[in-house]
Amino acid sequence: MVLDLVVIGTAITLGPLHNSAFILLLSSRRGVRKGLAFLLSWLANLVTVVAVVLLLTDGEPPARNSVPSTAAIAAKLAIGLALVVYGAYRRRRPPRPHGPPRWAARIDDASLVTAAGLAWLLQPWGLVGAGAATALDANLSTAASWFALTAYCLLATLSLIVMEMYVVWAPAVAHARLNALRTWLAQHQEQLIVTLALVAGLWLTARSIYELVT
């Protein structure tokens, strides 16, 4: 469970789409507040999904080879295969220019509620679903499971936390460097999406097949 959560959390936090959007929010008027609303909404979504899973399992992992256990592995396998197919499709697709999103022009007038909703929209729900299926194996009677789930949620939010704190501590330097990072993300968006989709997809696929056959 731990390795799966590390891979999934890393793939989530490195996603270029939400990181670019977050930098735009931080660069806007009242950017720190909007960034905090985005960050808290992002983290709350992750925690809520995990909490729902734990409520369904009552904090105890299903028995090995039981229907719920097999269904969770099958779900991870399906998500892994979907990511591999998506990554391969994006890799073969002719390159397309990526301009700023439509809402970017209205970012200064965005409310805190809008910033929070944007986090919900930009969250990679396929990977979040894989994390939820993995959380099914958590045993809340052990400290290790609590630590793994907490670390997963924080890891999946790490890039946002770092950027938010950077802007708070050193706003002048942070804005210049983060805008340069956003430019780099825009230039390499396709490569990043393909790489993350293929790496996470192949990992989930291989792990799921291994779990099914053993």
Protein backbone atom coordinates (compact mmCIF):
# COMPACT_ATOMS: atom_id res chain seq x y z
CA MET A 1 0.00 0.00 0.00
CA VAL A 2 2.73 2.47 0.96
CA LEU A 3 4.63 2.30 -2.35
CA ASP A 4 1.41 2.64 -4.33
CA LEU A 5 0.43 5.74 -2.34
CA VAL A 6 3.89 7.26 -2.84
CA VAL A 7 3.71 6.78 -6.63
CA ILE A 8 0.14 8.07 -6.84
CA GLY A 9 0.79 11.03 -4.54
CA THR A 10 3.91 12.00 -6.50
CA ALA A 11 2.08 11.80 -9.83
CA ILE A 12 -0.71 13.98 -8.43
CA THR A 13 1.54 16.68 -6.98
CA LEU A 14 3.67 16.98 -10.14
CA GLY A 15 0.72 17.50 -12.49
CA PRO A 16 1.36 20.59 -14.67
CA LEU A 17 -2.25 21.72 -15.06
CA HIS A 18 -3.13 22.45 -11.45
CA ASN A 19 0.34 23.81 -10.69
CA SER A 20 0.07 26.31 -13.55
CA ALA A 21 -3.39 27.36 -12.41
CA PHE A 22 -2.15 27.74 -8.84
CA ILE A 23 0.71 30.01 -9.94
CA LEU A 24 -1.80 32.18 -11.82
CA LEU A 25 -3.89 32.45 -8.68
CA LEU A 26 -0.88 33.40 -6.58
CA SER A 27 0.04 36.10 -9.10
CA SER A 28 -3.41 37.67 -9.02
CA ARG A 29 -4.87 40.27 -6.67
CA ARG A 30 -5.26 38.76 -3.16
CA GLY A 31 -3.25 35.87 -4.53
CA VAL A 32 -2.17 34.45 -1.17
CA ARG A 33 -5.78 34.14 -0.02
CA LYS A 34 -6.92 32.62 -3.29
CA GLY A 35 -3.99 30.22 -3.23
CA LEU A 36 -4.87 29.18 0.31
CA ALA A 37 -8.50 28.57 -0.70
CA PHE A 38 -7.32 26.44 -3.62
CA LEU A 39 -4.85 24.54 -1.44
CA LEU A 40 -7.34 23.82 1.35
CA SER A 41 -10.00 22.71 -1.13
CA TRP A 42 -7.48 20.43 -2.87
CA LEU A 43 -6.44 18.87 0.43
CA ALA A 44 -10.04 18.59 1.67
CA ASN A 45 -11.00 16.69 -1.49
CA LEU A 46 -8.23 14.16 -0.92
CA VAL A 47 -9.06 13.74 2.76
CA THR A 48 -12.78 13.37 2.03
CA VAL A 49 -12.24 10.63 -0.54
CA VAL A 50 -9.98 8.69 1.84
CA ALA A 51 -12.41 9.21 4.72
CA VAL A 52 -15.32 7.85 2.68
CA VAL A 53 -13.31 4.73 1.86
CA LEU A 54 -12.40 4.21 5.51
CA LEU A 55 -16.03 4.64 6.56
CA LEU A 56 -17.05 1.96 4.07
CA THR A 57 -14.41 -0.46 5.35
CA ASP A 58 -14.81 0.56 9.01
CA GLY A 59 -11.05 1.02 9.11
CA GLU A 60 -10.29 -2.64 8.43
CA PRO A 61 -8.92 -3.96 5.13
CA PRO A 62 -11.12 -6.54 3.35
CA ALA A 63 -10.03 -10.15 3.46
CA ARG A 64 -7.57 -11.18 0.78
CA ASN A 65 -9.25 -12.61 -2.35
CA SER A 66 -12.65 -11.38 -1.15
CA VAL A 67 -15.02 -9.60 -3.53
CA PRO A 68 -14.22 -6.07 -2.20
CA SER A 69 -10.48 -6.75 -2.30
CA THR A 70 -10.61 -8.10 -5.85
CA ALA A 71 -12.85 -5.23 -6.95
CA ALA A 72 -10.37 -2.67 -5.58
CA ILE A 73 -7.48 -4.32 -7.44
CA ALA A 74 -9.56 -4.49 -10.62
CA ALA A 75 -10.36 -0.78 -10.26
CA LYS A 76 -6.66 0.06 -9.95
CA LEU A 77 -5.93 -2.12 -12.98
CA ALA A 78 -8.59 -0.34 -15.02
CA ILE A 79 -7.26 3.08 -14.00
CA GLY A 80 -3.68 1.99 -14.76
CA LEU A 81 -4.62 0.74 -18.22
CA ALA A 82 -6.61 3.91 -18.90
CA LEU A 83 -3.61 6.04 -17.95
CA VAL A 84 -1.30 4.04 -20.21
CA VAL A 85 -3.71 4.36 -23.14
CA TYR A 86 -4.17 8.07 -22.46
CA GLY A 87 -0.42 8.65 -22.21
CA ALA A 88 0.21 6.75 -25.44
CA TYR A 89 -2.55 8.72 -27.18
CA ARG A 90 -1.15 12.07 -26.03
CA ARG A 91 2.34 10.99 -27.11
CA ARG A 92 1.23 10.09 -30.65
CA ARG A 93 -1.07 13.08 -31.03
CA PRO A 94 0.30 15.98 -33.12
CA PRO A 95 1.54 18.80 -30.88
CA ARG A 96 -0.95 21.57 -30.22
CA PRO A 97 -0.27 25.10 -29.02
CA HIS A 98 -1.34 25.72 -25.43
CA GLY A 99 -2.59 29.22 -24.76
CA PRO A 100 -3.68 30.52 -21.38
CA PRO A 101 -7.04 29.15 -20.16
CA ARG A 102 -10.13 31.31 -20.71
CA TRP A 103 -10.58 32.02 -17.04
CA ALA A 104 -7.03 33.39 -16.76
CA ALA A 105 -8.16 36.81 -18.03
CA ARG A 106 -10.68 37.04 -15.17
CA ILE A 107 -8.40 35.69 -12.45
CA ASP A 108 -8.06 39.04 -10.63
CA ASP A 109 -11.82 39.14 -10.10
CA ALA A 110 -12.12 35.52 -8.99
CA SER A 111 -13.59 34.94 -5.53
CA LEU A 112 -12.25 32.61 -2.88
CA VAL A 113 -15.14 30.24 -3.66
CA THR A 114 -14.13 30.22 -7.32
CA ALA A 115 -10.54 29.44 -6.37
CA ALA A 116 -11.71 26.56 -4.17
CA GLY A 117 -13.95 25.23 -6.94
CA LEU A 118 -11.09 25.39 -9.41
CA ALA A 119 -9.12 22.99 -7.22
CA TRP A 120 -11.99 20.53 -7.38
CA LEU A 121 -12.19 20.79 -11.17
CA LEU A 122 -8.44 20.43 -11.76
CA GLN A 123 -7.87 17.50 -9.42
CA PRO A 124 -6.81 14.39 -11.40
CA TRP A 125 -9.75 12.24 -10.35
CA GLY A 126 -8.41 9.11 -12.03
CA LEU A 127 -5.33 9.15 -9.80
CA VAL A 128 -7.43 10.15 -6.80
CA GLY A 129 -9.61 7.12 -7.51
CA ALA A 130 -6.51 4.92 -7.60
CA GLY A 131 -5.52 6.37 -4.24
CA ALA A 132 -8.96 5.58 -2.87
CA ALA A 133 -8.74 1.99 -4.08
CA THR A 134 -5.33 1.70 -2.45
CA ALA A 135 -6.63 3.16 0.83
CA LEU A 136 -8.99 0.20 1.01
CA ASP A 137 -6.05 -1.79 2.39
CA ALA A 138 -5.55 0.59 5.33
CA ASN A 139 -5.88 -0.80 8.83
CA LEU A 140 -6.65 2.04 11.23
CA SER A 141 -5.68 -0.05 14.22
CA THR A 142 -2.04 0.46 13.23
CA ALA A 143 -0.07 3.71 13.36
CA ALA A 144 1.62 2.81 10.07
CA SER A 145 -1.65 3.08 8.14
CA TRP A 146 -2.48 6.44 9.71
CA PHE A 147 0.97 7.71 8.81
CA ALA A 148 0.78 6.36 5.23
CA LEU A 149 -2.60 7.97 4.55
CA THR A 150 -1.60 11.28 6.09
CA ALA A 151 1.67 11.30 4.14
CA TYR A 152 -0.22 10.49 0.92
CA CYS A 153 -2.58 13.45 1.31
CA LEU A 154 0.30 15.79 2.15
CA LEU A 155 2.50 14.46 -0.66
CA ALA A 156 -0.31 14.98 -3.19
CA THR A 157 -0.56 18.60 -1.97
CA LEU A 158 3.17 19.22 -1.51
CA SER A 159 3.78 21.38 -4.58
CA LEU A 160 0.94 23.71 -3.57
CA ILE A 161 2.16 23.95 0.02
CA VAL A 162 5.70 24.80 -1.08
CA MET A 163 4.56 27.50 -3.52
CA GLU A 164 2.13 29.04 -1.05
CA MET A 165 4.78 29.24 1.68
CA TYR A 166 7.35 30.59 -0.79
CA VAL A 167 5.06 33.47 -1.77
CA VAL A 168 4.31 34.26 1.89
CA TRP A 169 7.97 34.30 2.92
CA ALA A 170 9.58 35.93 -0.13
CA PRO A 171 6.86 37.43 -2.36
CA ALA A 172 9.04 39.48 -4.71
CA VAL A 173 11.47 36.67 -5.53
CA ALA A 174 8.76 34.00 -5.47
CA HIS A 175 6.51 35.67 -8.04
CA ALA A 176 9.35 36.06 -10.53
CA ARG A 177 10.51 32.47 -10.15
CA LEU A 178 7.04 30.97 -10.11
CA ASN A 179 6.07 32.84 -13.28
CA ALA A 180 9.22 31.46 -14.90
CA LEU A 181 8.18 28.00 -13.70
CA ARG A 182 4.70 28.49 -15.18
CA THR A 183 6.28 29.37 -18.53
CA TRP A 184 8.41 26.23 -18.37
CA LEU A 185 5.37 24.11 -17.45
CA ALA A 186 3.45 25.52 -20.42
CA GLN A 187 6.33 24.69 -22.76
CA HIS A 188 6.69 21.14 -21.46
CA GLN A 189 3.08 20.39 -20.59
CA GLU A 190 2.62 17.59 -23.10
CA GLN A 191 5.83 15.80 -22.10
CA LEU A 192 4.95 16.04 -18.42
CA ILE A 193 1.41 14.75 -18.91
CA VAL A 194 2.63 11.84 -21.05
CA THR A 195 5.42 10.92 -18.64
CA LEU A 196 3.25 11.04 -15.52
CA ALA A 197 0.42 9.13 -17.17
CA LEU A 198 2.70 6.38 -18.46
CA VAL A 199 4.76 6.01 -15.28
CA ALA A 200 1.75 5.96 -12.96
CA GLY A 201 -0.26 3.81 -15.37
CA LEU A 202 2.44 1.21 -15.86
CA TRP A 203 3.06 1.03 -12.11
CA LEU A 204 -0.63 0.56 -11.28
CA THR A 205 -1.07 -1.97 -14.06
CA ALA A 206 1.94 -4.05 -13.06
CA ARG A 207 1.10 -3.94 -9.35
CA SER A 208 -2.53 -4.86 -9.97
CA ILE A 209 -1.69 -7.80 -12.19
CA TYR A 210 0.82 -9.02 -9.62
CA GLU A 211 -1.77 -8.78 -6.84
CA LEU A 212 -4.38 -10.59 -8.91
CA VAL A 213 -2.16 -13.52 -9.85
CA THR A 214 -0.68 -13.96 -6.39
